[in-house]
Amino acid sequence: MVAKILDGKGLAKKIQSRLQGEIAQQITLKKRQPGLAVLMVGDNPASTVYVRNKEKACQRIGMASYGQHFPANTTQAQLEEVIEELNEDSNVHGILVQLPLPDHFDSVALLHKIAPHKDADGLHPNNLGKLVRGEQGLRSCTPAGVMEILQEYDIELAGKKAVVIGRSILVGKPIALMLLEKNATVTMAHSRTINLKEVTREADILIAAVGKPEIITADMVKAGAVVIDVGINRLPTEDGKGRLVGDVDSEKVKEVAGYITPVPGGVGPMTVTMLLQNTYESYLELA
């Protein structure tokens, strides 16, 4: 058995193409574009790449980008003031603070400053609360992207055993709630889970969101399981460029699993796409 590849990159292109067409139609009606503001502080190389990708994606689908880059010595108060201004700006429909921030920032407090209806990342307590209650609202981008992949490939979730490794508020907890919404039976696993291998081998759907390179090995995976690799880690190489790997040892696991997401080209492109989707949905509500 060789696992079928769940092509997040291809799905992202498909969704972005749909958004491009819908945005073009909406602009003729509303006479203005949807707008996304991504705020970045400092010079983190990975963040610079992520922000550039988001700006390119905005341009590609006809969405205005109001990105702002601040020096590392910007204060909490200064960034909060910028967020409050964007909350009131009718041209901006989505706001995102790029993480990680320099150590002197309180990122949670900044998140709370973003108006819930402009919370493009879907992480404001109001939006997370709606997820807990099963109500309509902006959803966390990476988990929402995972759910889109599962839906695109007609992977049945109802009644299936899903194991989520990682309990972060960014991915682990929201994806568990989204899987429960679809009537999966969900187990949360983490660094203190006893006999982790026994837990993961029961999973029909295994979601790895740990942030540790290739921690999921073939002997941890049930034959035919759906494996979603949320991790993205850079390992050093002799040429100094490094290579990207996920939390899953994909070369070995794909010989056991039924489906698997690649790294890169799996969940990552869908995270950016769901950011655009959230901003567009806010635009429809606000414009």
C-alpha atoms as a PDB file:
ATOM      1  CA  MET A   1       0.000   0.000   0.000  1.00  0.00           C
ATOM      2  CA  VAL A   2       1.178   3.493  -0.849  1.00  0.00           C
ATOM      3  CA  ALA A   3      -0.849   6.344   0.616  1.00  0.00           C
ATOM      4  CA  LYS A   4      -2.842   8.655  -1.615  1.00  0.00           C
ATOM      5  CA  ILE A   5      -1.507  12.212  -1.419  1.00  0.00           C
ATOM      6  CA  LEU A   6      -3.949  14.822  -0.086  1.00  0.00           C
ATOM      7  CA  ASP A   7      -2.978  17.765  -2.250  1.00  0.00           C
ATOM      8  CA  GLY A   8      -3.535  20.899  -0.165  1.00  0.00           C
ATOM      9  CA  LYS A   9      -1.679  23.060  -2.670  1.00  0.00           C
ATOM     10  CA  GLY A  10      -4.003  22.057  -5.481  1.00  0.00           C
ATOM     11  CA  LEU A  11      -7.089  22.553  -3.327  1.00  0.00           C
ATOM     12  CA  ALA A  12      -5.823  25.973  -2.243  1.00  0.00           C
ATOM     13  CA  LYS A  13      -5.501  27.022  -5.892  1.00  0.00           C
ATOM     14  CA  LYS A  14      -9.039  25.808  -6.557  1.00  0.00           C
ATOM     15  CA  ILE A  15     -10.519  27.763  -3.639  1.00  0.00           C
ATOM     16  CA  GLN A  16      -8.492  30.878  -4.428  1.00  0.00           C
ATOM     17  CA  SER A  17      -9.697  30.742  -8.023  1.00  0.00           C
ATOM     18  CA  ARG A  18     -13.291  30.637  -6.768  1.00  0.00           C
ATOM     19  CA  LEU A  19     -12.614  33.553  -4.421  1.00  0.00           C
ATOM     20  CA  GLN A  20     -11.061  35.529  -7.262  1.00  0.00           C
ATOM     21  CA  GLY A  21     -14.228  35.160  -9.336  1.00  0.00           C
ATOM     22  CA  GLU A  22     -16.548  35.989  -6.436  1.00  0.00           C
ATOM     23  CA  ILE A  23     -14.495  39.020  -5.418  1.00  0.00           C
ATOM     24  CA  ALA A  24     -14.540  40.370  -8.970  1.00  0.00           C
ATOM     25  CA  GLN A  25     -18.338  40.113  -8.971  1.00  0.00           C
ATOM     26  CA  GLN A  26     -18.635  41.743  -5.555  1.00  0.00           C
ATOM     27  CA  ILE A  27     -16.384  44.655  -6.548  1.00  0.00           C
ATOM     28  CA  THR A  28     -18.758  45.518  -9.401  1.00  0.00           C
ATOM     29  CA  LEU A  29     -21.603  45.652  -6.863  1.00  0.00           C
ATOM     30  CA  LYS A  30     -19.905  47.196  -3.851  1.00  0.00           C
ATOM     31  CA  LYS A  31     -17.333  49.317  -5.725  1.00  0.00           C
ATOM     32  CA  ARG A  32     -14.518  48.340  -3.371  1.00  0.00           C
ATOM     33  CA  GLN A  33     -12.219  45.432  -2.617  1.00  0.00           C
ATOM     34  CA  PRO A  34     -12.083  43.296   0.490  1.00  0.00           C
ATOM     35  CA  GLY A  35      -9.006  44.255   2.503  1.00  0.00           C
ATOM     36  CA  LEU A  36      -6.611  42.313   4.742  1.00  0.00           C
ATOM     37  CA  ALA A  37      -4.123  43.929   7.138  1.00  0.00           C
ATOM     38  CA  VAL A  38      -1.204  41.769   8.265  1.00  0.00           C
ATOM     39  CA  LEU A  39       0.923  43.344  11.011  1.00  0.00           C
ATOM     40  CA  MET A  40       4.497  42.150  11.408  1.00  0.00           C
ATOM     41  CA  VAL A  41       7.027  43.257  14.026  1.00  0.00           C
ATOM     42  CA  GLY A  42      10.761  42.666  13.739  1.00  0.00           C
ATOM     43  CA  ASP A  43      12.762  40.695  11.182  1.00  0.00           C
ATOM     44  CA  ASN A  44      11.981  37.028  11.772  1.00  0.00           C
ATOM     45  CA  PRO A  45      13.022  35.382   8.451  1.00  0.00           C
ATOM     46  CA  ALA A  46      10.214  32.789   8.484  1.00  0.00           C
ATOM     47  CA  SER A  47       7.616  35.456   9.258  1.00  0.00           C
ATOM     48  CA  THR A  48       8.927  37.577   6.393  1.00  0.00           C
ATOM     49  CA  VAL A  49       8.334  34.686   3.985  1.00  0.00           C
ATOM     50  CA  TYR A  50       4.856  33.975   5.391  1.00  0.00           C
ATOM     51  CA  VAL A  51       3.815  37.626   5.142  1.00  0.00           C
ATOM     52  CA  ARG A  52       5.130  37.894   1.588  1.00  0.00           C
ATOM     53  CA  ASN A  53       3.134  34.783   0.624  1.00  0.00           C
ATOM     54  CA  LYS A  54      -0.020  36.267   2.132  1.00  0.00           C
ATOM     55  CA  GLU A  55       0.475  39.531   0.264  1.00  0.00           C
ATOM     56  CA  LYS A  56       1.000  37.673  -3.019  1.00  0.00           C
ATOM     57  CA  ALA A  57      -2.140  35.625  -2.380  1.00  0.00           C
ATOM     58  CA  CYS A  58      -4.143  38.814  -1.789  1.00  0.00           C
ATOM     59  CA  GLN A  59      -2.890  40.286  -5.047  1.00  0.00           C
ATOM     60  CA  ARG A  60      -3.699  37.069  -6.899  1.00  0.00           C
ATOM     61  CA  ILE A  61      -7.368  37.022  -5.918  1.00  0.00           C
ATOM     62  CA  GLY A  62      -8.077  40.759  -6.051  1.00  0.00           C
ATOM     63  CA  MET A  63      -7.958  41.464  -2.326  1.00  0.00           C
ATOM     64  CA  ALA A  64      -6.340  44.668  -1.068  1.00  0.00           C
ATOM     65  CA  SER A  65      -3.363  44.171   1.244  1.00  0.00           C
ATOM     66  CA  TYR A  66      -2.790  46.698   4.015  1.00  0.00           C
ATOM     67  CA  GLY A  67       0.269  45.024   5.506  1.00  0.00           C
ATOM     68  CA  GLN A  68       2.433  47.011   7.898  1.00  0.00           C
ATOM     69  CA  HIS A  69       5.957  46.158   9.059  1.00  0.00           C
ATOM     70  CA  PHE A  70       7.144  47.612  12.366  1.00  0.00           C
ATOM     71  CA  PRO A  71      10.627  47.711  13.911  1.00  0.00           C
ATOM     72  CA  ALA A  72      11.408  45.303  16.750  1.00  0.00           C
ATOM     73  CA  ASN A  73      11.405  48.139  19.319  1.00  0.00           C
ATOM     74  CA  THR A  74       7.742  48.999  18.633  1.00  0.00           C
ATOM     75  CA  THR A  75       5.808  49.075  21.913  1.00  0.00           C
ATOM     76  CA  GLN A  76       2.684  47.170  22.922  1.00  0.00           C
ATOM     77  CA  ALA A  77       0.757  50.442  23.171  1.00  0.00           C
ATOM     78  CA  GLN A  78       1.803  51.527  19.679  1.00  0.00           C
ATOM     79  CA  LEU A  79       0.678  48.249  18.111  1.00  0.00           C
ATOM     80  CA  GLU A  80      -2.605  48.294  20.035  1.00  0.00           C
ATOM     81  CA  GLU A  81      -3.250  51.799  18.711  1.00  0.00           C
ATOM     82  CA  VAL A  82      -2.698  50.585  15.130  1.00  0.00           C
ATOM     83  CA  ILE A  83      -5.117  47.688  15.683  1.00  0.00           C
ATOM     84  CA  GLU A  84      -7.774  50.033  17.057  1.00  0.00           C
ATOM     85  CA  GLU A  85      -7.397  52.255  13.970  1.00  0.00           C
ATOM     86  CA  LEU A  86      -7.774  49.230  11.679  1.00  0.00           C
ATOM     87  CA  ASN A  87     -10.868  48.137  13.613  1.00  0.00           C
ATOM     88  CA  GLU A  88     -12.478  51.430  12.553  1.00  0.00           C
ATOM     89  CA  ASP A  89     -11.169  51.411   8.973  1.00  0.00           C
ATOM     90  CA  SER A  90     -14.020  50.465   6.624  1.00  0.00           C
ATOM     91  CA  ASN A  91     -11.536  49.375   3.935  1.00  0.00           C
ATOM     92  CA  VAL A  92     -10.102  46.667   6.209  1.00  0.00           C
ATOM     93  CA  HIS A  93     -12.166  43.489   6.724  1.00  0.00           C
ATOM     94  CA  GLY A  94      -9.530  41.208   8.201  1.00  0.00           C
ATOM     95  CA  ILE A  95      -6.696  41.829  10.678  1.00  0.00           C
ATOM     96  CA  LEU A  96      -3.868  39.457  11.517  1.00  0.00           C
ATOM     97  CA  VAL A  97      -0.879  39.900  13.827  1.00  0.00           C
ATOM     98  CA  GLN A  98       1.945  37.738  12.505  1.00  0.00           C
ATOM     99  CA  LEU A  99       3.460  35.492  15.172  1.00  0.00           C
ATOM    100  CA  PRO A 100       5.920  35.088  16.767  1.00  0.00           C
ATOM    101  CA  LEU A 101       6.328  38.577  18.189  1.00  0.00           C
ATOM    102  CA  PRO A 102       9.384  39.922  20.045  1.00  0.00           C
ATOM    103  CA  ASP A 103       9.468  38.835  23.675  1.00  0.00           C
ATOM    104  CA  HIS A 104       8.263  42.131  25.149  1.00  0.00           C
ATOM    105  CA  PHE A 105       4.818  41.781  23.546  1.00  0.00           C
ATOM    106  CA  ASP A 106       1.717  40.276  25.140  1.00  0.00           C
ATOM    107  CA  SER A 107       0.334  38.530  22.045  1.00  0.00           C
ATOM    108  CA  VAL A 108      -2.875  37.430  23.796  1.00  0.00           C
ATOM    109  CA  ALA A 109      -3.703  41.009  24.772  1.00  0.00           C
ATOM    110  CA  LEU A 110      -3.131  42.097  21.162  1.00  0.00           C
ATOM    111  CA  LEU A 111      -5.426  39.365  19.908  1.00  0.00           C
ATOM    112  CA  HIS A 112      -8.133  40.607  22.262  1.00  0.00           C
ATOM    113  CA  LYS A 113      -7.800  44.089  20.734  1.00  0.00           C
ATOM    114  CA  ILE A 114      -8.833  42.866  17.280  1.00  0.00           C
ATOM    115  CA  ALA A 115     -12.547  43.330  16.615  1.00  0.00           C
ATOM    116  CA  PRO A 116     -14.054  39.797  16.558  1.00  0.00           C
ATOM    117  CA  HIS A 117     -15.718  40.401  13.181  1.00  0.00           C
ATOM    118  CA  LYS A 118     -12.298  41.283  11.684  1.00  0.00           C
ATOM    119  CA  ASP A 119     -10.428  38.409  13.333  1.00  0.00           C
ATOM    120  CA  ALA A 120      -9.024  36.863  10.152  1.00  0.00           C
ATOM    121  CA  ASP A 121      -7.129  34.188  12.099  1.00  0.00           C
ATOM    122  CA  GLY A 122     -10.277  33.012  13.917  1.00  0.00           C
ATOM    123  CA  LEU A 123      -8.558  33.050  17.323  1.00  0.00           C
ATOM    124  CA  HIS A 124     -10.441  35.770  19.215  1.00  0.00           C
ATOM    125  CA  PRO A 125     -12.202  34.335  22.310  1.00  0.00           C
ATOM    126  CA  ASN A 126     -15.577  35.297  20.805  1.00  0.00           C
ATOM    127  CA  ASN A 127     -14.907  33.202  17.708  1.00  0.00           C
ATOM    128  CA  LEU A 128     -13.439  30.298  19.661  1.00  0.00           C
ATOM    129  CA  GLY A 129     -16.517  30.439  21.907  1.00  0.00           C
ATOM    130  CA  LYS A 130     -18.769  30.161  18.866  1.00  0.00           C
ATOM    131  CA  LEU A 131     -16.793  27.117  17.765  1.00  0.00           C
ATOM    132  CA  VAL A 132     -17.299  25.503  21.175  1.00  0.00           C
ATOM    133  CA  ARG A 133     -21.041  26.180  20.927  1.00  0.00           C
ATOM    134  CA  GLY A 134     -21.231  24.978  17.321  1.00  0.00           C
ATOM    135  CA  GLU A 135     -22.338  28.397  16.088  1.00  0.00           C
ATOM    136  CA  GLN A 136     -21.452  30.148  12.825  1.00  0.00           C
ATOM    137  CA  GLY A 137     -18.309  32.246  13.070  1.00  0.00           C
ATOM    138  CA  LEU A 138     -14.784  32.819  11.827  1.00  0.00           C
ATOM    139  CA  ARG A 139     -12.798  29.620  12.241  1.00  0.00           C
ATOM    140  CA  SER A 140      -9.123  29.110  13.074  1.00  0.00           C
ATOM    141  CA  CYS A 141      -7.335  28.970   9.727  1.00  0.00           C
ATOM    142  CA  THR A 142      -5.167  25.859   9.981  1.00  0.00           C
ATOM    143  CA  PRO A 143      -7.874  23.596  11.465  1.00  0.00           C
ATOM    144  CA  ALA A 144     -10.395  24.957   8.961  1.00  0.00           C
ATOM    145  CA  GLY A 145      -7.935  24.141   6.183  1.00  0.00           C
ATOM    146  CA  VAL A 146      -7.594  20.575   7.449  1.00  0.00           C
ATOM    147  CA  MET A 147     -11.371  20.171   7.431  1.00  0.00           C
ATOM    148  CA  GLU A 148     -11.550  21.457   3.847  1.00  0.00           C
ATOM    149  CA  ILE A 149      -8.972  18.866   2.773  1.00  0.00           C
ATOM    150  CA  LEU A 150     -10.916  16.048   4.421  1.00  0.00           C
ATOM    151  CA  GLN A 151     -14.121  17.238   2.763  1.00  0.00           C
ATOM    152  CA  GLU A 152     -12.495  17.609  -0.672  1.00  0.00           C
ATOM    153  CA  TYR A 153     -11.388  13.990  -0.626  1.00  0.00           C
ATOM    154  CA  ASP A 154     -14.742  12.694   0.702  1.00  0.00           C
ATOM    155  CA  ILE A 155     -13.163  11.258   3.828  1.00  0.00           C
ATOM    156  CA  GLU A 156     -15.931  10.073   6.128  1.00  0.00           C
ATOM    157  CA  LEU A 157     -15.615  11.364   9.684  1.00  0.00           C
ATOM    158  CA  ALA A 158     -18.842  10.305  11.388  1.00  0.00           C
ATOM    159  CA  GLY A 159     -18.187   7.492  13.843  1.00  0.00           C
ATOM    160  CA  LYS A 160     -14.474   7.326  13.022  1.00  0.00           C
ATOM    161  CA  LYS A 161     -11.728   7.406  15.652  1.00  0.00           C
ATOM    162  CA  ALA A 162      -9.670  10.571  15.346  1.00  0.00           C
ATOM    163  CA  VAL A 163      -6.508  11.187  17.351  1.00  0.00           C
ATOM    164  CA  VAL A 164      -5.116  14.724  17.568  1.00  0.00           C
ATOM    165  CA  ILE A 165      -1.529  14.993  18.796  1.00  0.00           C
ATOM    166  CA  GLY A 166      -0.950  18.484  20.153  1.00  0.00           C
ATOM    167  CA  ARG A 167      -3.227  20.615  22.303  1.00  0.00           C
ATOM    168  CA  SER A 168      -2.410  24.168  21.236  1.00  0.00           C
ATOM    169  CA  ILE A 169      -5.092  26.825  20.917  1.00  0.00           C
ATOM    170  CA  LEU A 170      -3.849  27.407  17.347  1.00  0.00           C
ATOM    171  CA  VAL A 171      -4.482  23.907  16.037  1.00  0.00           C
ATOM    172  CA  GLY A 172      -5.017  21.034  18.468  1.00  0.00           C
ATOM    173  CA  LYS A 173      -8.011  22.236  20.446  1.00  0.00           C
ATOM    174  CA  PRO A 174      -9.912  23.831  17.530  1.00  0.00           C
ATOM    175  CA  ILE A 175      -9.426  20.839  15.213  1.00  0.00           C
ATOM    176  CA  ALA A 176     -10.698  18.502  17.934  1.00  0.00           C
ATOM    177  CA  LEU A 177     -13.877  20.583  18.207  1.00  0.00           C
ATOM    178  CA  MET A 178     -14.323  20.661  14.434  1.00  0.00           C
ATOM    179  CA  LEU A 179     -13.953  16.886  14.235  1.00  0.00           C
ATOM    180  CA  LEU A 180     -16.516  16.490  17.015  1.00  0.00           C
ATOM    181  CA  GLU A 181     -18.887  18.667  14.993  1.00  0.00           C
ATOM    182  CA  LYS A 182     -18.642  16.061  12.239  1.00  0.00           C
ATOM    183  CA  ASN A 183     -19.421  13.257  14.715  1.00  0.00           C
ATOM    184  CA  ALA A 184     -15.930  11.780  14.926  1.00  0.00           C
ATOM    185  CA  THR A 185     -14.856  10.209  18.211  1.00  0.00           C
ATOM    186  CA  VAL A 186     -11.888  12.321  19.239  1.00  0.00           C
ATOM    187  CA  THR A 187      -8.913  11.579  21.469  1.00  0.00           C
ATOM    188  CA  MET A 188      -6.504  14.359  22.398  1.00  0.00           C
ATOM    189  CA  ALA A 189      -2.894  13.261  22.864  1.00  0.00           C
ATOM    190  CA  HIS A 190       0.150  15.291  23.905  1.00  0.00           C
ATOM    191  CA  SER A 191       3.628  15.159  25.410  1.00  0.00           C
ATOM    192  CA  ARG A 192       2.410  13.521  28.617  1.00  0.00           C
ATOM    193  CA  THR A 193       0.233  10.873  26.995  1.00  0.00           C
ATOM    194  CA  ILE A 194       1.195   7.433  28.284  1.00  0.00           C
ATOM    195  CA  ASN A 195       1.734   4.733  25.628  1.00  0.00           C
ATOM    196  CA  LEU A 196       1.303   7.229  22.790  1.00  0.00           C
ATOM    197  CA  LYS A 197       1.973   4.565  20.162  1.00  0.00           C
ATOM    198  CA  GLU A 198      -0.963   2.479  21.400  1.00  0.00           C
ATOM    199  CA  VAL A 199      -3.225   5.529  21.215  1.00  0.00           C
ATOM    200  CA  THR A 200      -2.182   6.555  17.701  1.00  0.00           C
ATOM    201  CA  ARG A 201      -2.451   3.039  16.292  1.00  0.00           C
ATOM    202  CA  GLU A 202      -6.188   3.102  17.008  1.00  0.00           C
ATOM    203  CA  ALA A 203      -6.723   6.214  14.890  1.00  0.00           C
ATOM    204  CA  ASP A 204      -8.660   6.096  11.644  1.00  0.00           C
ATOM    205  CA  ILE A 205      -7.669   9.756  11.303  1.00  0.00           C
ATOM    206  CA  LEU A 206      -4.363  10.871  12.815  1.00  0.00           C
ATOM    207  CA  ILE A 207      -3.563  14.575  13.025  1.00  0.00           C
ATOM    208  CA  ALA A 208      -0.024  15.536  14.033  1.00  0.00           C
ATOM    209  CA  ALA A 209       0.393  19.100  15.294  1.00  0.00           C
ATOM    210  CA  VAL A 210       3.363  18.873  17.628  1.00  0.00           C
ATOM    211  CA  GLY A 211       6.146  20.916  16.016  1.00  0.00           C
ATOM    212  CA  LYS A 212       8.751  18.151  16.334  1.00  0.00           C
ATOM    213  CA  PRO A 213      10.324  16.832  13.125  1.00  0.00           C
ATOM    214  CA  GLU A 214       9.246  13.355  12.049  1.00  0.00           C
ATOM    215  CA  ILE A 215       8.078  12.343  15.512  1.00  0.00           C
ATOM    216  CA  ILE A 216       5.312  10.180  14.011  1.00  0.00           C
ATOM    217  CA  THR A 217       6.849   6.955  12.725  1.00  0.00           C
ATOM    218  CA  ALA A 218       5.346   4.152  10.677  1.00  0.00           C
ATOM    219  CA  ASP A 219       4.865   1.858  13.679  1.00  0.00           C
ATOM    220  CA  MET A 220       2.566   4.490  15.242  1.00  0.00           C
ATOM    221  CA  VAL A 221       0.102   4.429  12.337  1.00  0.00           C
ATOM    222  CA  LYS A 222      -2.825   2.099  11.728  1.00  0.00           C
ATOM    223  CA  ALA A 223      -2.860   0.486   8.283  1.00  0.00           C
ATOM    224  CA  GLY A 224      -5.000   2.547   5.920  1.00  0.00           C
ATOM    225  CA  ALA A 225      -5.303   5.528   8.282  1.00  0.00           C
ATOM    226  CA  VAL A 226      -5.698   9.116   7.127  1.00  0.00           C
ATOM    227  CA  VAL A 227      -2.615  11.045   8.290  1.00  0.00           C
ATOM    228  CA  ILE A 228      -2.714  14.850   8.406  1.00  0.00           C
ATOM    229  CA  ASP A 229       0.690  16.439   8.993  1.00  0.00           C
ATOM    230  CA  VAL A 230       0.295  19.978  10.336  1.00  0.00           C
ATOM    231  CA  GLY A 231       3.938  20.351  11.356  1.00  0.00           C
ATOM    232  CA  ILE A 232       6.528  22.287   9.403  1.00  0.00           C
ATOM    233  CA  ASN A 233      10.125  22.073  10.582  1.00  0.00           C
ATOM    234  CA  ARG A 234      13.386  23.078   8.919  1.00  0.00           C
ATOM    235  CA  LEU A 235      16.258  20.608   9.252  1.00  0.00           C
ATOM    236  CA  PRO A 236      19.860  21.635   8.491  1.00  0.00           C
ATOM    237  CA  THR A 237      21.540  20.395   5.315  1.00  0.00           C
ATOM    238  CA  GLU A 238      25.142  20.468   4.149  1.00  0.00           C
ATOM    239  CA  ASP A 239      24.481  23.264   1.685  1.00  0.00           C
ATOM    240  CA  GLY A 240      23.114  25.428   4.503  1.00  0.00           C
ATOM    241  CA  LYS A 241      19.689  25.890   2.882  1.00  0.00           C
ATOM    242  CA  GLY A 242      17.902  23.378   5.088  1.00  0.00           C
ATOM    243  CA  ARG A 243      14.959  21.193   4.143  1.00  0.00           C
ATOM    244  CA  LEU A 244      11.360  21.249   5.290  1.00  0.00           C
ATOM    245  CA  VAL A 245       9.847  18.241   6.994  1.00  0.00           C
ATOM    246  CA  GLY A 246       6.659  17.695   8.915  1.00  0.00           C
ATOM    247  CA  ASP A 247       5.870  16.032  12.215  1.00  0.00           C
ATOM    248  CA  VAL A 248       5.431  12.775  10.280  1.00  0.00           C
ATOM    249  CA  ASP A 249       8.182  10.563   8.857  1.00  0.00           C
ATOM    250  CA  SER A 250       6.315  10.649   5.561  1.00  0.00           C
ATOM    251  CA  GLU A 251       8.620   8.392   3.533  1.00  0.00           C
ATOM    252  CA  LYS A 252       7.977   5.487   5.891  1.00  0.00           C
ATOM    253  CA  VAL A 253       4.421   6.363   6.945  1.00  0.00           C
ATOM    254  CA  LYS A 254       3.121   6.596   3.373  1.00  0.00           C
ATOM    255  CA  GLU A 255       3.846   2.859   3.047  1.00  0.00           C
ATOM    256  CA  VAL A 256       1.288   2.205   5.810  1.00  0.00           C
ATOM    257  CA  ALA A 257      -1.296   4.989   5.635  1.00  0.00           C
ATOM    258  CA  GLY A 258      -4.209   5.200   3.217  1.00  0.00           C
ATOM    259  CA  TYR A 259      -3.995   8.995   2.809  1.00  0.00           C
ATOM    260  CA  ILE A 260      -1.336  11.514   3.789  1.00  0.00           C
ATOM    261  CA  THR A 261      -0.690  15.249   3.439  1.00  0.00           C
ATOM    262  CA  PRO A 262       2.765  16.200   2.143  1.00  0.00           C
ATOM    263  CA  VAL A 263       5.118  18.790   3.636  1.00  0.00           C
ATOM    264  CA  PRO A 264       5.373  21.195   1.961  1.00  0.00           C
ATOM    265  CA  GLY A 265       2.220  21.373  -0.162  1.00  0.00           C
ATOM    266  CA  GLY A 266      -0.302  19.972   2.267  1.00  0.00           C
ATOM    267  CA  VAL A 267      -1.853  21.920   5.125  1.00  0.00           C
ATOM    268  CA  GLY A 268       0.319  25.049   4.754  1.00  0.00           C
ATOM    269  CA  PRO A 269      -1.252  26.429   1.553  1.00  0.00           C
ATOM    270  CA  MET A 270      -4.703  25.816   3.016  1.00  0.00           C
ATOM    271  CA  THR A 271      -3.904  27.928   6.095  1.00  0.00           C
ATOM    272  CA  VAL A 272      -3.272  30.965   3.888  1.00  0.00           C
ATOM    273  CA  THR A 273      -6.377  30.201   1.838  1.00  0.00           C
ATOM    274  CA  MET A 274      -8.616  30.050   4.915  1.00  0.00           C
ATOM    275  CA  LEU A 275      -7.194  33.413   5.994  1.00  0.00           C
ATOM    276  CA  LEU A 276      -8.402  34.822   2.682  1.00  0.00           C
ATOM    277  CA  GLN A 277     -11.736  33.016   3.052  1.00  0.00           C
ATOM    278  CA  ASN A 278     -12.288  34.474   6.528  1.00  0.00           C
ATOM    279  CA  THR A 279     -11.484  37.973   5.280  1.00  0.00           C
ATOM    280  CA  TYR A 280     -13.885  37.563   2.369  1.00  0.00           C
ATOM    281  CA  GLU A 281     -16.668  36.376   4.674  1.00  0.00           C
ATOM    282  CA  SER A 282     -16.127  39.421   6.899  1.00  0.00           C
ATOM    283  CA  TYR A 283     -16.232  41.608   3.786  1.00  0.00           C
ATOM    284  CA  LEU A 284     -19.615  40.171   2.808  1.00  0.00           C
ATOM    285  CA  GLU A 285     -20.939  40.957   6.291  1.00  0.00           C
ATOM    286  CA  LEU A 286     -19.400  44.410   6.609  1.00  0.00           C
ATOM    287  CA  ALA A 287     -19.335  45.900   3.115  1.00  0.00           C
END
